[in-house]
C-alpha atoms as a PDB file:
ATOM      1  CA  UNK A   1     135.649  41.465 115.860  1.00  0.00           C
ATOM      2  CA  UNK A   2     132.769  39.805 117.699  1.00  0.00           C
ATOM      3  CA  UNK A   3     132.702  40.711 121.373  1.00  0.00           C
ATOM      4  CA  UNK A   4     129.802  39.050 122.672  1.00  0.00           C
ATOM      5  CA  UNK A   5     128.141  35.521 122.096  1.00  0.00           C
ATOM      6  CA  UNK A   6     124.537  34.065 122.691  1.00  0.00           C
ATOM      7  CA  UNK A   7     124.828  35.052 126.387  1.00  0.00           C
ATOM      8  CA  UNK A   8     125.185  38.613 125.757  1.00  0.00           C
ATOM      9  CA  UNK A   9     122.531  38.878 123.133  1.00  0.00           C
ATOM     10  CA  UNK A  10     120.255  36.941 125.455  1.00  0.00           C
ATOM     11  CA  UNK A  11     120.850  39.421 128.558  1.00  0.00           C
ATOM     12  CA  UNK A  12     120.346  42.434 126.145  1.00  0.00           C
ATOM     13  CA  UNK A  13     116.852  40.925 124.803  1.00  0.00           C
ATOM     14  CA  UNK A  14     115.880  40.585 128.775  1.00  0.00           C
ATOM     15  CA  UNK A  15     116.936  43.870 129.491  1.00  0.00           C
ATOM     16  CA  UNK A  16     114.963  45.523 126.556  1.00  0.00           C
ATOM     17  CA  UNK A  17     111.796  43.166 127.239  1.00  0.00           C
ATOM     18  CA  UNK A  18     111.961  44.444 130.904  1.00  0.00           C
ATOM     19  CA  UNK A  19     111.999  48.123 130.014  1.00  0.00           C
ATOM     20  CA  UNK A  20     109.178  47.652 127.452  1.00  0.00           C
ATOM     21  CA  UNK A  21     106.998  45.874 129.716  1.00  0.00           C
ATOM     22  CA  UNK A  22     107.360  47.672 132.920  1.00  0.00           C
ATOM     23  CA  UNK A  23     104.846  47.081 135.601  1.00  0.00           C
ATOM     24  CA  UNK A  24     101.937  44.621 134.973  1.00  0.00           C
ATOM     25  CA  UNK A  25      98.293  46.052 134.680  1.00  0.00           C
ATOM     26  CA  UNK A  26      97.553  44.024 137.702  1.00  0.00           C
ATOM     27  CA  UNK A  27     100.239  45.619 139.805  1.00  0.00           C
ATOM     28  CA  UNK A  28      99.095  48.973 138.768  1.00  0.00           C
ATOM     29  CA  UNK A  29      95.282  48.054 139.619  1.00  0.00           C
ATOM     30  CA  UNK A  30      96.415  47.020 143.075  1.00  0.00           C
ATOM     31  CA  UNK A  31      98.690  50.216 143.586  1.00  0.00           C
ATOM     32  CA  UNK A  32      95.800  52.396 142.553  1.00  0.00           C
ATOM     33  CA  UNK A  33      93.250  50.477 145.151  1.00  0.00           C
ATOM     34  CA  UNK A  34      95.762  50.784 147.895  1.00  0.00           C
ATOM     35  CA  UNK A  35      96.246  54.574 147.079  1.00  0.00           C
ATOM     36  CA  UNK A  36      92.630  55.098 147.331  1.00  0.00           C
ATOM     37  CA  UNK A  37      92.229  53.429 150.471  1.00  0.00           C
ATOM     38  CA  UNK A  38      94.873  55.587 152.062  1.00  0.00           C
ATOM     39  CA  UNK A  39      93.294  58.774 150.928  1.00  0.00           C
ATOM     40  CA  UNK A  40      90.924  59.792 153.455  1.00  0.00           C
ATOM     41  CA  UNK A  41      88.045  61.977 152.414  1.00  0.00           C
ATOM     42  CA  UNK A  42      87.669  65.138 154.311  1.00  0.00           C
ATOM     43  CA  UNK A  43      84.290  65.885 155.783  1.00  0.00           C
ATOM     44  CA  UNK A  44      83.126  69.534 155.421  1.00  0.00           C
ATOM     45  CA  UNK A  45      80.956  70.833 158.271  1.00  0.00           C
ATOM     46  CA  UNK A  46      77.873  72.796 156.844  1.00  0.00           C
ATOM     47  CA  UNK A  47      75.160  74.915 158.756  1.00  0.00           C
ATOM     48  CA  UNK A  48      71.791  74.015 157.311  1.00  0.00           C
ATOM     49  CA  UNK A  49      69.563  77.107 156.856  1.00  0.00           C
ATOM     50  CA  UNK A  50      66.056  77.435 158.270  1.00  0.00           C
ATOM     51  CA  UNK A  51      63.650  74.955 157.314  1.00  0.00           C
ATOM     52  CA  UNK A  52      66.483  72.464 156.789  1.00  0.00           C
ATOM     53  CA  UNK A  53      67.400  74.055 153.596  1.00  0.00           C
ATOM     54  CA  UNK A  54      71.299  72.601 152.509  1.00  0.00           C
ATOM     55  CA  UNK A  55      72.556  75.016 149.852  1.00  0.00           C
ATOM     56  CA  UNK A  56      75.651  74.598 147.822  1.00  0.00           C
ATOM     57  CA  UNK A  57      77.484  75.133 144.532  1.00  0.00           C
ATOM     58  CA  UNK A  58      79.332  72.971 142.017  1.00  0.00           C
ATOM     59  CA  UNK A  59      81.852  74.302 139.960  1.00  0.00           C
ATOM     60  CA  UNK A  60      84.701  73.079 137.538  1.00  0.00           C
ATOM     61  CA  UNK A  61      88.418  73.074 138.305  1.00  0.00           C
ATOM     62  CA  UNK A  62      88.887  76.540 136.575  1.00  0.00           C
ATOM     63  CA  UNK A  63      85.863  78.174 138.888  1.00  0.00           C
ATOM     64  CA  UNK A  64      83.319  78.160 136.331  1.00  0.00           C
ATOM     65  CA  UNK A  65      79.922  76.782 137.556  1.00  0.00           C
ATOM     66  CA  UNK A  66      78.733  73.637 136.449  1.00  0.00           C
ATOM     67  CA  UNK A  67      74.943  74.402 135.179  1.00  0.00           C
ATOM     68  CA  UNK A  68      72.382  71.788 134.734  1.00  0.00           C
ATOM     69  CA  UNK A  69      73.978  68.924 136.248  1.00  0.00           C
ATOM     70  CA  UNK A  70      72.057  66.383 138.329  1.00  0.00           C
ATOM     71  CA  UNK A  71      72.957  66.748 142.188  1.00  0.00           C
ATOM     72  CA  UNK A  72      72.447  63.699 144.402  1.00  0.00           C
ATOM     73  CA  UNK A  73      72.346  63.853 148.168  1.00  0.00           C
ATOM     74  CA  UNK A  74      72.918  60.571 150.012  1.00  0.00           C
ATOM     75  CA  UNK A  75      72.749  59.502 153.500  1.00  0.00           C
ATOM     76  CA  UNK A  76      74.328  55.922 154.280  1.00  0.00           C
ATOM     77  CA  UNK A  77      74.360  55.302 150.666  1.00  0.00           C
ATOM     78  CA  UNK A  78      70.780  55.960 150.212  1.00  0.00           C
ATOM     79  CA  UNK A  79      69.697  58.523 147.950  1.00  0.00           C
ATOM     80  CA  UNK A  80      67.725  61.243 149.909  1.00  0.00           C
ATOM     81  CA  UNK A  81      66.947  63.633 147.335  1.00  0.00           C
ATOM     82  CA  UNK A  82      68.132  64.873 143.939  1.00  0.00           C
ATOM     83  CA  UNK A  83      67.979  68.143 142.037  1.00  0.00           C
ATOM     84  CA  UNK A  84      69.746  70.143 139.217  1.00  0.00           C
ATOM     85  CA  UNK A  85      72.004  72.947 139.455  1.00  0.00           C
ATOM     86  CA  UNK A  86      70.958  76.309 137.882  1.00  0.00           C
ATOM     87  CA  UNK A  87      72.946  78.393 135.658  1.00  0.00           C
ATOM     88  CA  UNK A  88      75.367  79.812 138.432  1.00  0.00           C
ATOM     89  CA  UNK A  89      76.099  75.939 139.590  1.00  0.00           C
ATOM     90  CA  UNK A  90      73.946  76.466 142.786  1.00  0.00           C
ATOM     91  CA  UNK A  91      71.933  73.740 144.175  1.00  0.00           C
ATOM     92  CA  UNK A  92      69.494  73.520 147.116  1.00  0.00           C
ATOM     93  CA  UNK A  93      67.626  70.601 149.022  1.00  0.00           C
ATOM     94  CA  UNK A  94      64.935  71.502 151.722  1.00  0.00           C
ATOM     95  CA  UNK A  95      63.909  69.369 154.609  1.00  0.00           C
ATOM     96  CA  UNK A  96      67.316  67.991 155.334  1.00  0.00           C
ATOM     97  CA  UNK A  97      67.890  66.831 158.876  1.00  0.00           C
ATOM     98  CA  UNK A  98      71.339  67.058 160.318  1.00  0.00           C
ATOM     99  CA  UNK A  99      73.894  64.304 159.891  1.00  0.00           C
ATOM    100  CA  UNK A 100      76.497  62.999 157.700  1.00  0.00           C
ATOM    101  CA  UNK A 101      75.722  63.004 153.791  1.00  0.00           C
ATOM    102  CA  UNK A 102      77.428  62.795 150.501  1.00  0.00           C
ATOM    103  CA  UNK A 103      76.828  64.941 147.731  1.00  0.00           C
ATOM    104  CA  UNK A 104      77.610  63.671 144.017  1.00  0.00           C
ATOM    105  CA  UNK A 105      77.589  65.605 140.727  1.00  0.00           C
ATOM    106  CA  UNK A 106      79.290  65.728 137.569  1.00  0.00           C
ATOM    107  CA  UNK A 107      81.493  62.626 138.530  1.00  0.00           C
ATOM    108  CA  UNK A 108      82.894  63.972 141.571  1.00  0.00           C
ATOM    109  CA  UNK A 109      81.635  63.734 145.203  1.00  0.00           C
ATOM    110  CA  UNK A 110      82.386  65.057 148.694  1.00  0.00           C
ATOM    111  CA  UNK A 111      81.267  64.262 152.199  1.00  0.00           C
ATOM    112  CA  UNK A 112      79.368  66.769 154.538  1.00  0.00           C
ATOM    113  CA  UNK A 113      78.303  66.770 158.075  1.00  0.00           C
ATOM    114  CA  UNK A 114      75.107  68.919 158.317  1.00  0.00           C
ATOM    115  CA  UNK A 115      74.033  70.877 161.402  1.00  0.00           C
ATOM    116  CA  UNK A 116      70.639  72.340 162.389  1.00  0.00           C
ATOM    117  CA  UNK A 117      70.668  76.194 162.573  1.00  0.00           C
ATOM    118  CA  UNK A 118      72.217  77.483 165.670  1.00  0.00           C
ATOM    119  CA  UNK A 119      74.087  74.037 166.461  1.00  0.00           C
ATOM    120  CA  UNK A 120      76.775  74.187 163.786  1.00  0.00           C
ATOM    121  CA  UNK A 121      80.559  74.718 165.204  1.00  0.00           C
ATOM    122  CA  UNK A 122      82.235  77.918 164.308  1.00  0.00           C
ATOM    123  CA  UNK A 123      84.196  76.381 161.546  1.00  0.00           C
ATOM    124  CA  UNK A 124      80.774  75.442 159.687  1.00  0.00           C
ATOM    125  CA  UNK A 125      80.364  77.005 156.371  1.00  0.00           C
ATOM    126  CA  UNK A 126      77.022  78.301 155.231  1.00  0.00           C
ATOM    127  CA  UNK A 127      77.043  76.329 151.888  1.00  0.00           C
ATOM    128  CA  UNK A 128      78.869  73.475 150.237  1.00  0.00           C
ATOM    129  CA  UNK A 129      81.339  73.963 147.552  1.00  0.00           C
ATOM    130  CA  UNK A 130      81.699  70.873 145.267  1.00  0.00           C
ATOM    131  CA  UNK A 131      84.574  71.199 142.862  1.00  0.00           C
ATOM    132  CA  UNK A 132      84.581  68.935 139.772  1.00  0.00           C
ATOM    133  CA  UNK A 133      88.492  68.580 139.385  1.00  0.00           C
ATOM    134  CA  UNK A 134      88.095  66.260 136.239  1.00  0.00           C
ATOM    135  CA  UNK A 135      90.414  63.624 135.403  1.00  0.00           C
ATOM    136  CA  UNK A 136      93.647  63.858 137.396  1.00  0.00           C
ATOM    137  CA  UNK A 137      96.721  63.098 134.893  1.00  0.00           C
ATOM    138  CA  UNK A 138      99.710  61.886 136.661  1.00  0.00           C
ATOM    139  CA  UNK A 139     103.459  62.074 135.564  1.00  0.00           C
ATOM    140  CA  UNK A 140     103.893  58.559 134.735  1.00  0.00           C
ATOM    141  CA  UNK A 141     104.372  57.418 131.131  1.00  0.00           C
ATOM    142  CA  UNK A 142     101.193  55.254 131.366  1.00  0.00           C
ATOM    143  CA  UNK A 143      99.963  53.586 128.113  1.00  0.00           C
ATOM    144  CA  UNK A 144     102.780  54.878 126.215  1.00  0.00           C
ATOM    145  CA  UNK A 145     105.509  52.912 127.981  1.00  0.00           C
ATOM    146  CA  UNK A 146     105.240  50.095 125.349  1.00  0.00           C
ATOM    147  CA  UNK A 147     106.359  52.713 122.602  1.00  0.00           C
ATOM    148  CA  UNK A 148     108.891  54.203 124.745  1.00  0.00           C
ATOM    149  CA  UNK A 149     110.284  50.807 125.617  1.00  0.00           C
ATOM    150  CA  UNK A 150     110.379  49.845 121.960  1.00  0.00           C
ATOM    151  CA  UNK A 151     111.883  52.880 121.148  1.00  0.00           C
ATOM    152  CA  UNK A 152     114.637  52.691 123.763  1.00  0.00           C
ATOM    153  CA  UNK A 153     115.274  49.125 122.910  1.00  0.00           C
ATOM    154  CA  UNK A 154     115.945  49.945 119.203  1.00  0.00           C
ATOM    155  CA  UNK A 155     118.365  52.483 120.032  1.00  0.00           C
ATOM    156  CA  UNK A 156     120.096  50.018 122.146  1.00  0.00           C
ATOM    157  CA  UNK A 157     119.962  47.240 119.782  1.00  0.00           C
ATOM    158  CA  UNK A 158     121.342  49.720 117.047  1.00  0.00           C
ATOM    159  CA  UNK A 159     124.376  50.650 119.380  1.00  0.00           C
ATOM    160  CA  UNK A 160     124.892  47.200 120.405  1.00  0.00           C
ATOM    161  CA  UNK A 161     125.102  46.202 116.547  1.00  0.00           C
ATOM    162  CA  UNK A 162     127.589  48.990 115.571  1.00  0.00           C
ATOM    163  CA  UNK A 163     129.804  48.051 118.676  1.00  0.00           C
ATOM    164  CA  UNK A 164     129.615  44.360 117.530  1.00  0.00           C
ATOM    165  CA  UNK A 165     130.270  44.758 113.958  1.00  0.00           C
ATOM    166  CA  UNK A 166     133.778  43.993 112.687  1.00  0.00           C
ATOM    167  CA  UNK A 167     136.233  46.907 112.564  1.00  0.00           C
ATOM    168  CA  UNK A 168     137.071  46.308 108.967  1.00  0.00           C
ATOM    169  CA  UNK A 169     133.428  46.408 107.653  1.00  0.00           C
END
């Protein structure tokens, strides 16, 4: 005995397609841009050593040092200096003046406010610590949503066909 006609199958198809497609890639890009704007980059105060030496270390998310990576010091988006981290992930720049800087290394960056010796606030650190957190993986289904939607659609269609078949067949 047939329980639904063309309208029921059309509604089922629209539901399956909606679940399969999910949010459009344009919506995902827009949401990521908004999220990036809303995240304020913290600024860390660091006290320069004598002769304007700015010291720091770059480590991976697991705490292991990142050796031999290029470290770039920028002020107002202009490259001030570059160096390589040593085997312990340490780096240093000499002759740096106080001010706001960005340090970039191993695909990550951080903002620092550098202070001349004996002028830094009590919360200032003696060196920078740059943590390369790697790629952040969130809990969304991501690119697998088409496969998940197709699988769910197949299950729904199978249940629909079983319910729609004649009782005597």
